[in-house]
Amino acid sequence: MVDWTTGCWGPPGIDLARSRLNLASDYGTETADRFLALYESLTGGGSAHGPYWDLLDAADSVHDTMSPETDPVRTRSLLRFEEYVASVVARL
């Protein structure tokens, strides 16, 4: 994944967290968790993933989820976002 708007060197955990958040918002928490399992199986795990990065990225994205729009797709995405954050917090 390439983050063109804010591309820079940084910790891989934040990129992994953004990928998980995007997947969770579009497809649900289970998809984000499956992605993480596949990522870890291919990379041997390591320290890239952690709830810190997941919650940091979710907090950074809160302003994107808050909207006066009542679009059903956006509402579904917000519900998935909330479910994802709750699942990360539950793992602490």
PDB file of N, CA and C in Angstrom:
ATOM      1  N   MET A   1       0.843  -1.171   0.000  1.00  0.00           N
ATOM      2  CA  MET A   1       0.000   0.000   0.000  1.00  0.00           C
ATOM      3  C   MET A   1       0.891   1.238   0.000  1.00  0.00           C
ATOM      4  N   VAL A   2       0.545   2.210  -0.791  1.00  0.00           N
ATOM      5  CA  VAL A   2       1.297   3.459  -0.837  1.00  0.00           C
ATOM      6  C   VAL A   2       0.385   4.594  -0.388  1.00  0.00           C
ATOM      7  N   ASP A   3       0.844   5.336   0.589  1.00  0.00           N
ATOM      8  CA  ASP A   3       0.106   6.479   1.125  1.00  0.00           C
ATOM      9  C   ASP A   3       0.632   7.733   0.425  1.00  0.00           C
ATOM     10  N   TRP A   4       0.039   8.066  -0.698  1.00  0.00           N
ATOM     11  CA  TRP A   4       0.569   9.158  -1.522  1.00  0.00           C
ATOM     12  C   TRP A   4       0.427  10.523  -0.877  1.00  0.00           C
ATOM     13  N   THR A   5      -0.609  10.747  -0.074  1.00  0.00           N
ATOM     14  CA  THR A   5      -0.811  12.088   0.477  1.00  0.00           C
ATOM     15  C   THR A   5       0.165  12.414   1.595  1.00  0.00           C
ATOM     16  N   THR A   6       0.606  11.402   2.339  1.00  0.00           N
ATOM     17  CA  THR A   6       1.539  11.661   3.437  1.00  0.00           C
ATOM     18  C   THR A   6       2.678  10.656   3.425  1.00  0.00           C
ATOM     19  N   GLY A   7       3.150  10.311   2.242  1.00  0.00           N
ATOM     20  CA  GLY A   7       4.213   9.324   2.124  1.00  0.00           C
ATOM     21  C   GLY A   7       5.487   9.790   2.808  1.00  0.00           C
ATOM     22  N   CYS A   8       6.063   8.903   3.625  1.00  0.00           N
ATOM     23  CA  CYS A   8       7.311   9.198   4.310  1.00  0.00           C
ATOM     24  C   CYS A   8       7.814   7.910   4.953  1.00  0.00           C
ATOM     25  N   TRP A   9       9.026   7.951   5.488  1.00  0.00           N
ATOM     26  CA  TRP A   9       9.536   6.825   6.245  1.00  0.00           C
ATOM     27  C   TRP A   9       8.870   6.853   7.600  1.00  0.00           C
ATOM     28  N   GLY A  10       8.467   5.714   8.054  1.00  0.00           N
ATOM     29  CA  GLY A  10       7.847   5.645   9.368  1.00  0.00           C
ATOM     30  C   GLY A  10       7.694   4.207   9.809  1.00  0.00           C
ATOM     31  N   PRO A  11       7.093   4.026  10.956  1.00  0.00           N
ATOM     32  CA  PRO A  11       6.942   2.673  11.484  1.00  0.00           C
ATOM     33  C   PRO A  11       5.957   1.863  10.651  1.00  0.00           C
ATOM     34  N   PRO A  12       6.309   0.624  10.306  1.00  0.00           N
ATOM     35  CA  PRO A  12       5.409  -0.195   9.493  1.00  0.00           C
ATOM     36  C   PRO A  12       4.086  -0.497  10.184  1.00  0.00           C
ATOM     37  N   GLY A  13       4.060  -0.430  11.516  1.00  0.00           N
ATOM     38  CA  GLY A  13       2.825  -0.708  12.247  1.00  0.00           C
ATOM     39  C   GLY A  13       1.694   0.226  11.885  1.00  0.00           C
ATOM     40  N   ILE A  14       1.999   1.473  11.575  1.00  0.00           N
ATOM     41  CA  ILE A  14       0.938   2.432  11.237  1.00  0.00           C
ATOM     42  C   ILE A  14       0.361   2.116   9.860  1.00  0.00           C
ATOM     43  N   ASP A  15       1.190   1.648   8.938  1.00  0.00           N
ATOM     44  CA  ASP A  15       0.677   1.263   7.617  1.00  0.00           C
ATOM     45  C   ASP A  15      -0.195   0.011   7.711  1.00  0.00           C
ATOM     46  N   LEU A  16       0.232  -0.916   8.533  1.00  0.00           N
ATOM     47  CA  LEU A  16      -0.564  -2.116   8.761  1.00  0.00           C
ATOM     48  C   LEU A  16      -1.896  -1.751   9.418  1.00  0.00           C
ATOM     49  N   ALA A  17      -1.851  -0.848  10.363  1.00  0.00           N
ATOM     50  CA  ALA A  17      -3.075  -0.401  11.037  1.00  0.00           C
ATOM     51  C   ALA A  17      -4.028   0.281  10.051  1.00  0.00           C
ATOM     52  N   ARG A  18      -3.492   1.098   9.144  1.00  0.00           N
ATOM     53  CA  ARG A  18      -4.354   1.786   8.173  1.00  0.00           C
ATOM     54  C   ARG A  18      -5.006   0.778   7.228  1.00  0.00           C
ATOM     55  N   SER A  19      -4.239  -0.211   6.815  1.00  0.00           N
ATOM     56  CA  SER A  19      -4.805  -1.256   5.955  1.00  0.00           C
ATOM     57  C   SER A  19      -5.933  -1.977   6.678  1.00  0.00           C
ATOM     58  N   ARG A  20      -5.696  -2.325   7.941  1.00  0.00           N
ATOM     59  CA  ARG A  20      -6.723  -3.016   8.728  1.00  0.00           C
ATOM     60  C   ARG A  20      -7.963  -2.145   8.916  1.00  0.00           C
ATOM     61  N   LEU A  21      -7.754  -0.868   9.181  1.00  0.00           N
ATOM     62  CA  LEU A  21      -8.898   0.028   9.381  1.00  0.00           C
ATOM     63  C   LEU A  21      -9.714   0.165   8.100  1.00  0.00           C
ATOM     64  N   ASN A  22      -9.045   0.311   6.973  1.00  0.00           N
ATOM     65  CA  ASN A  22      -9.756   0.405   5.695  1.00  0.00           C
ATOM     66  C   ASN A  22     -10.559  -0.862   5.428  1.00  0.00           C
ATOM     67  N   LEU A  23      -9.960  -2.012   5.660  1.00  0.00           N
ATOM     68  CA  LEU A  23     -10.670  -3.271   5.453  1.00  0.00           C
ATOM     69  C   LEU A  23     -11.845  -3.416   6.411  1.00  0.00           C
ATOM     70  N   ALA A  24     -11.634  -3.055   7.662  1.00  0.00           N
ATOM     71  CA  ALA A  24     -12.715  -3.156   8.651  1.00  0.00           C
ATOM     72  C   ALA A  24     -13.873  -2.236   8.296  1.00  0.00           C
ATOM     73  N   SER A  25     -13.571  -1.037   7.847  1.00  0.00           N
ATOM     74  CA  SER A  25     -14.630  -0.077   7.498  1.00  0.00           C
ATOM     75  C   SER A  25     -15.414  -0.520   6.269  1.00  0.00           C
ATOM     76  N   ASP A  26     -14.723  -1.140   5.319  1.00  0.00           N
ATOM     77  CA  ASP A  26     -15.391  -1.563   4.079  1.00  0.00           C
ATOM     78  C   ASP A  26     -16.025  -2.949   4.161  1.00  0.00           C
ATOM     79  N   TYR A  27     -15.363  -3.868   4.896  1.00  0.00           N
ATOM     80  CA  TYR A  27     -15.798  -5.267   4.856  1.00  0.00           C
ATOM     81  C   TYR A  27     -16.055  -5.893   6.220  1.00  0.00           C
ATOM     82  N   GLY A  28     -15.667  -5.222   7.294  1.00  0.00           N
ATOM     83  CA  GLY A  28     -15.891  -5.759   8.631  1.00  0.00           C
ATOM     84  C   GLY A  28     -14.610  -6.171   9.333  1.00  0.00           C
ATOM     85  N   THR A  29     -14.714  -6.294  10.638  1.00  0.00           N
ATOM     86  CA  THR A  29     -13.571  -6.617  11.486  1.00  0.00           C
ATOM     87  C   THR A  29     -12.972  -7.978  11.155  1.00  0.00           C
ATOM     88  N   GLU A  30     -13.811  -8.955  10.829  1.00  0.00           N
ATOM     89  CA  GLU A  30     -13.286 -10.285  10.502  1.00  0.00           C
ATOM     90  C   GLU A  30     -12.318 -10.238   9.327  1.00  0.00           C
ATOM     91  N   THR A  31     -12.624  -9.421   8.336  1.00  0.00           N
ATOM     92  CA  THR A  31     -11.734  -9.286   7.179  1.00  0.00           C
ATOM     93  C   THR A  31     -10.404  -8.668   7.596  1.00  0.00           C
ATOM     94  N   ALA A  32     -10.456  -7.650   8.444  1.00  0.00           N
ATOM     95  CA  ALA A  32      -9.226  -7.020   8.930  1.00  0.00           C
ATOM     96  C   ALA A  32      -8.386  -8.016   9.723  1.00  0.00           C
ATOM     97  N   ASP A  33      -9.036  -8.854  10.504  1.00  0.00           N
ATOM     98  CA  ASP A  33      -8.312  -9.859  11.278  1.00  0.00           C
ATOM     99  C   ASP A  33      -7.715 -10.939  10.380  1.00  0.00           C
ATOM    100  N   ARG A  34      -8.439 -11.337   9.344  1.00  0.00           N
ATOM    101  CA  ARG A  34      -7.899 -12.318   8.387  1.00  0.00           C
ATOM    102  C   ARG A  34      -6.683 -11.744   7.670  1.00  0.00           C
ATOM    103  N   PHE A  35      -6.771 -10.462   7.285  1.00  0.00           N
ATOM    104  CA  PHE A  35      -5.633  -9.799   6.641  1.00  0.00           C
ATOM    105  C   PHE A  35      -4.413  -9.833   7.564  1.00  0.00           C
ATOM    106  N   LEU A  36      -4.617  -9.529   8.839  1.00  0.00           N
ATOM    107  CA  LEU A  36      -3.510  -9.539   9.795  1.00  0.00           C
ATOM    108  C   LEU A  36      -2.906 -10.943   9.907  1.00  0.00           C
ATOM    109  N   ALA A  37      -3.748 -11.957   9.973  1.00  0.00           N
ATOM    110  CA  ALA A  37      -3.247 -13.335  10.064  1.00  0.00           C
ATOM    111  C   ALA A  37      -2.415 -13.691   8.831  1.00  0.00           C
ATOM    112  N   LEU A  38      -2.895 -13.305   7.659  1.00  0.00           N
ATOM    113  CA  LEU A  38      -2.134 -13.564   6.430  1.00  0.00           C
ATOM    114  C   LEU A  38      -0.822 -12.785   6.415  1.00  0.00           C
ATOM    115  N   TYR A  39      -0.876 -11.527   6.801  1.00  0.00           N
ATOM    116  CA  TYR A  39       0.324 -10.689   6.861  1.00  0.00           C
ATOM    117  C   TYR A  39       1.371 -11.326   7.770  1.00  0.00           C
ATOM    118  N   GLU A  40       0.928 -11.741   8.958  1.00  0.00           N
ATOM    119  CA  GLU A  40       1.866 -12.317   9.918  1.00  0.00           C
ATOM    120  C   GLU A  40       2.406 -13.664   9.439  1.00  0.00           C
ATOM    121  N   SER A  41       1.579 -14.439   8.730  1.00  0.00           N
ATOM    122  CA  SER A  41       2.067 -15.727   8.227  1.00  0.00           C
ATOM    123  C   SER A  41       3.103 -15.524   7.128  1.00  0.00           C
ATOM    124  N   LEU A  42       2.985 -14.458   6.365  1.00  0.00           N
ATOM    125  CA  LEU A  42       3.938 -14.193   5.286  1.00  0.00           C
ATOM    126  C   LEU A  42       5.209 -13.504   5.770  1.00  0.00           C
ATOM    127  N   THR A  43       5.095 -12.720   6.834  1.00  0.00           N
ATOM    128  CA  THR A  43       6.257 -11.968   7.311  1.00  0.00           C
ATOM    129  C   THR A  43       6.903 -12.579   8.542  1.00  0.00           C
ATOM    130  N   GLY A  44       6.281 -13.627   9.076  1.00  0.00           N
ATOM    131  CA  GLY A  44       6.822 -14.235  10.285  1.00  0.00           C
ATOM    132  C   GLY A  44       6.441 -13.483  11.541  1.00  0.00           C
ATOM    133  N   GLY A  45       5.426 -12.644  11.449  1.00  0.00           N
ATOM    134  CA  GLY A  45       4.961 -11.913  12.635  1.00  0.00           C
ATOM    135  C   GLY A  45       5.816 -10.697  12.892  1.00  0.00           C
ATOM    136  N   GLY A  46       6.549 -10.731  13.964  1.00  0.00           N
ATOM    137  CA  GLY A  46       7.389  -9.599  14.306  1.00  0.00           C
ATOM    138  C   GLY A  46       6.619  -8.571  15.121  1.00  0.00           C
ATOM    139  N   SER A  47       7.150  -7.404  15.206  1.00  0.00           N
ATOM    140  CA  SER A  47       6.571  -6.383  16.077  1.00  0.00           C
ATOM    141  C   SER A  47       5.820  -5.298  15.314  1.00  0.00           C
ATOM    142  N   ALA A  48       5.523  -5.517  14.036  1.00  0.00           N
ATOM    143  CA  ALA A  48       4.853  -4.462  13.264  1.00  0.00           C
ATOM    144  C   ALA A  48       3.441  -4.190  13.773  1.00  0.00           C
ATOM    145  N   HIS A  49       2.732  -5.241  14.187  1.00  0.00           N
ATOM    146  CA  HIS A  49       1.358  -5.038  14.610  1.00  0.00           C
ATOM    147  C   HIS A  49       1.272  -4.855  16.118  1.00  0.00           C
ATOM    148  N   GLY A  50       0.328  -4.043  16.511  1.00  0.00           N
ATOM    149  CA  GLY A  50       0.032  -3.860  17.926  1.00  0.00           C
ATOM    150  C   GLY A  50      -1.211  -3.001  18.075  1.00  0.00           C
ATOM    151  N   PRO A  51      -1.950  -3.190  19.159  1.00  0.00           N
ATOM    152  CA  PRO A  51      -3.164  -2.395  19.358  1.00  0.00           C
ATOM    153  C   PRO A  51      -2.881  -0.894  19.422  1.00  0.00           C
ATOM    154  N   TYR A  52      -1.664  -0.541  19.862  1.00  0.00           N
ATOM    155  CA  TYR A  52      -1.299   0.883  19.889  1.00  0.00           C
ATOM    156  C   TYR A  52      -1.477   1.508  18.513  1.00  0.00           C
ATOM    157  N   TRP A  53      -0.935   0.853  17.477  1.00  0.00           N
ATOM    158  CA  TRP A  53      -1.013   1.399  16.122  1.00  0.00           C
ATOM    159  C   TRP A  53      -2.457   1.413  15.620  1.00  0.00           C
ATOM    160  N   ASP A  54      -3.205   0.331  15.919  1.00  0.00           N
ATOM    161  CA  ASP A  54      -4.604   0.269  15.495  1.00  0.00           C
ATOM    162  C   ASP A  54      -5.409   1.412  16.094  1.00  0.00           C
ATOM    163  N   LEU A  55      -5.215   1.660  17.392  1.00  0.00           N
ATOM    164  CA  LEU A  55      -5.992   2.720  18.052  1.00  0.00           C
ATOM    165  C   LEU A  55      -5.507   4.111  17.651  1.00  0.00           C
ATOM    166  N   LEU A  56      -4.200   4.268  17.467  1.00  0.00           N
ATOM    167  CA  LEU A  56      -3.664   5.558  17.017  1.00  0.00           C
ATOM    168  C   LEU A  56      -4.242   5.926  15.654  1.00  0.00           C
ATOM    169  N   ASP A  57      -4.255   4.964  14.744  1.00  0.00           N
ATOM    170  CA  ASP A  57      -4.787   5.234  13.408  1.00  0.00           C
ATOM    171  C   ASP A  57      -6.291   5.467  13.448  1.00  0.00           C
ATOM    172  N   ALA A  58      -7.006   4.714  14.278  1.00  0.00           N
ATOM    173  CA  ALA A  58      -8.450   4.923  14.406  1.00  0.00           C
ATOM    174  C   ALA A  58      -8.739   6.321  14.948  1.00  0.00           C
ATOM    175  N   ALA A  59      -7.977   6.748  15.951  1.00  0.00           N
ATOM    176  CA  ALA A  59      -8.173   8.097  16.505  1.00  0.00           C
ATOM    177  C   ALA A  59      -7.893   9.156  15.449  1.00  0.00           C
ATOM    178  N   ASP A  60      -6.885   8.923  14.625  1.00  0.00           N
ATOM    179  CA  ASP A  60      -6.551   9.861  13.553  1.00  0.00           C
ATOM    180  C   ASP A  60      -7.657   9.919  12.496  1.00  0.00           C
ATOM    181  N   SER A  61      -8.437   8.857  12.395  1.00  0.00           N
ATOM    182  CA  SER A  61      -9.471   8.773  11.358  1.00  0.00           C
ATOM    183  C   SER A  61     -10.855   9.170  11.837  1.00  0.00           C
ATOM    184  N   VAL A  62     -11.010   9.487  13.115  1.00  0.00           N
ATOM    185  CA  VAL A  62     -12.339   9.803  13.651  1.00  0.00           C
ATOM    186  C   VAL A  62     -12.993  10.948  12.881  1.00  0.00           C
ATOM    187  N   HIS A  63     -12.227  11.974  12.566  1.00  0.00           N
ATOM    188  CA  HIS A  63     -12.822  13.117  11.864  1.00  0.00           C
ATOM    189  C   HIS A  63     -13.366  12.717  10.491  1.00  0.00           C
ATOM    190  N   ASP A  64     -12.788  11.674   9.879  1.00  0.00           N
ATOM    191  CA  ASP A  64     -13.276  11.211   8.581  1.00  0.00           C
ATOM    192  C   ASP A  64     -14.594  10.457   8.697  1.00  0.00           C
ATOM    193  N   THR A  65     -14.852   9.880   9.869  1.00  0.00           N
ATOM    194  CA  THR A  65     -16.070   9.083  10.043  1.00  0.00           C
ATOM    195  C   THR A  65     -17.255   9.935  10.455  1.00  0.00           C
ATOM    196  N   MET A  66     -16.993  11.089  11.031  1.00  0.00           N
ATOM    197  CA  MET A  66     -18.083  11.951  11.488  1.00  0.00           C
ATOM    198  C   MET A  66     -18.574  12.817  10.339  1.00  0.00           C
ATOM    199  N   SER A  67     -19.824  12.642  10.003  1.00  0.00           N
ATOM    200  CA  SER A  67     -20.387  13.387   8.883  1.00  0.00           C
ATOM    201  C   SER A  67     -21.880  13.554   9.091  1.00  0.00           C
ATOM    202  N   PRO A  68     -22.418  14.700   8.717  1.00  0.00           N
ATOM    203  CA  PRO A  68     -23.864  14.887   8.837  1.00  0.00           C
ATOM    204  C   PRO A  68     -24.640  14.101   7.788  1.00  0.00           C
ATOM    205  N   GLU A  69     -23.905  13.487   6.844  1.00  0.00           N
ATOM    206  CA  GLU A  69     -24.577  12.729   5.788  1.00  0.00           C
ATOM    207  C   GLU A  69     -25.297  11.521   6.383  1.00  0.00           C
ATOM    208  N   THR A  70     -26.422  11.182   5.795  1.00  0.00           N
ATOM    209  CA  THR A  70     -27.164  10.005   6.244  1.00  0.00           C
ATOM    210  C   THR A  70     -27.133   8.922   5.179  1.00  0.00           C
ATOM    211  N   ASP A  71     -26.121   8.933   4.364  1.00  0.00           N
ATOM    212  CA  ASP A  71     -25.923   7.928   3.332  1.00  0.00           C
ATOM    213  C   ASP A  71     -25.822   6.552   3.990  1.00  0.00           C
ATOM    214  N   PRO A  72     -26.638   5.573   3.579  1.00  0.00           N
ATOM    215  CA  PRO A  72     -26.604   4.251   4.206  1.00  0.00           C
ATOM    216  C   PRO A  72     -25.238   3.573   4.137  1.00  0.00           C
ATOM    217  N   VAL A  73     -24.497   3.789   3.055  1.00  0.00           N
ATOM    218  CA  VAL A  73     -23.165   3.185   2.945  1.00  0.00           C
ATOM    219  C   VAL A  73     -22.253   3.787   3.995  1.00  0.00           C
ATOM    220  N   ARG A  74     -22.327   5.092   4.166  1.00  0.00           N
ATOM    221  CA  ARG A  74     -21.494   5.773   5.161  1.00  0.00           C
ATOM    222  C   ARG A  74     -21.891   5.346   6.576  1.00  0.00           C
ATOM    223  N   THR A  75     -23.178   5.188   6.817  1.00  0.00           N
ATOM    224  CA  THR A  75     -23.651   4.742   8.123  1.00  0.00           C
ATOM    225  C   THR A  75     -23.136   3.336   8.423  1.00  0.00           C
ATOM    226  N   ARG A  76     -23.182   2.448   7.444  1.00  0.00           N
ATOM    227  CA  ARG A  76     -22.679   1.085   7.607  1.00  0.00           C
ATOM    228  C   ARG A  76     -21.167   1.116   7.897  1.00  0.00           C
ATOM    229  N   SER A  77     -20.452   1.977   7.204  1.00  0.00           N
ATOM    230  CA  SER A  77     -19.015   2.106   7.415  1.00  0.00           C
ATOM    231  C   SER A  77     -18.713   2.588   8.835  1.00  0.00           C
ATOM    232  N   LEU A  78     -19.500   3.537   9.334  1.00  0.00           N
ATOM    233  CA  LEU A  78     -19.307   4.044  10.693  1.00  0.00           C
ATOM    234  C   LEU A  78     -19.561   2.936  11.717  1.00  0.00           C
ATOM    235  N   LEU A  79     -20.601   2.145  11.504  1.00  0.00           N
ATOM    236  CA  LEU A  79     -20.885   1.040  12.421  1.00  0.00           C
ATOM    237  C   LEU A  79     -19.745   0.022  12.413  1.00  0.00           C
ATOM    238  N   ARG A  80     -19.198  -0.253  11.245  1.00  0.00           N
ATOM    239  CA  ARG A  80     -18.061  -1.176  11.148  1.00  0.00           C
ATOM    240  C   ARG A  80     -16.830  -0.593  11.833  1.00  0.00           C
ATOM    241  N   PHE A  81     -16.619   0.706  11.675  1.00  0.00           N
ATOM    242  CA  PHE A  81     -15.515   1.404  12.342  1.00  0.00           C
ATOM    243  C   PHE A  81     -15.626   1.237  13.854  1.00  0.00           C
ATOM    244  N   GLU A  82     -16.818   1.473  14.387  1.00  0.00           N
ATOM    245  CA  GLU A  82     -17.030   1.356  15.830  1.00  0.00           C
ATOM    246  C   GLU A  82     -16.824  -0.084  16.310  1.00  0.00           C
ATOM    247  N   GLU A  83     -17.285  -1.043  15.528  1.00  0.00           N
ATOM    248  CA  GLU A  83     -17.102  -2.452  15.881  1.00  0.00           C
ATOM    249  C   GLU A  83     -15.613  -2.799  15.906  1.00  0.00           C
ATOM    250  N   TYR A  84     -14.887  -2.303  14.926  1.00  0.00           N
ATOM    251  CA  TYR A  84     -13.443  -2.558  14.841  1.00  0.00           C
ATOM    252  C   TYR A  84     -12.718  -1.991  16.051  1.00  0.00           C
ATOM    253  N   VAL A  85     -12.996  -0.744  16.399  1.00  0.00           N
ATOM    254  CA  VAL A  85     -12.336  -0.115  17.539  1.00  0.00           C
ATOM    255  C   VAL A  85     -12.660  -0.886  18.826  1.00  0.00           C
ATOM    256  N   ALA A  86     -13.905  -1.275  18.985  1.00  0.00           N
ATOM    257  CA  ALA A  86     -14.304  -2.051  20.168  1.00  0.00           C
ATOM    258  C   ALA A  86     -13.545  -3.372  20.226  1.00  0.00           C
ATOM    259  N   SER A  87     -13.327  -4.015  19.079  1.00  0.00           N
ATOM    260  CA  SER A  87     -12.608  -5.301  19.073  1.00  0.00           C
ATOM    261  C   SER A  87     -11.144  -5.101  19.450  1.00  0.00           C
ATOM    262  N   VAL A  88     -10.541  -3.989  19.015  1.00  0.00           N
ATOM    263  CA  VAL A  88      -9.140  -3.716  19.358  1.00  0.00           C
ATOM    264  C   VAL A  88      -9.037  -3.445  20.848  1.00  0.00           C
ATOM    265  N   VAL A  89      -9.941  -2.646  21.396  1.00  0.00           N
ATOM    266  CA  VAL A  89      -9.922  -2.326  22.820  1.00  0.00           C
ATOM    267  C   VAL A  89     -10.138  -3.599  23.640  1.00  0.00           C
ATOM    268  N   ALA A  90     -10.997  -4.483  23.180  1.00  0.00           N
ATOM    269  CA  ALA A  90     -11.272  -5.721  23.911  1.00  0.00           C
ATOM    270  C   ALA A  90     -10.039  -6.618  24.004  1.00  0.00           C
ATOM    271  N   ARG A  91      -9.088  -6.451  23.112  1.00  0.00           N
ATOM    272  CA  ARG A  91      -7.874  -7.273  23.118  1.00  0.00           C
ATOM    273  C   ARG A  91      -6.800  -6.725  24.058  1.00  0.00           C
ATOM    274  N   LEU A  92      -7.014  -5.554  24.601  1.00  0.00           N
ATOM    275  CA  LEU A  92      -6.003  -4.963  25.499  1.00  0.00           C
ATOM    276  C   LEU A  92      -5.947  -5.693  26.825  1.00  0.00           C
TER     277      LEU A  92
END
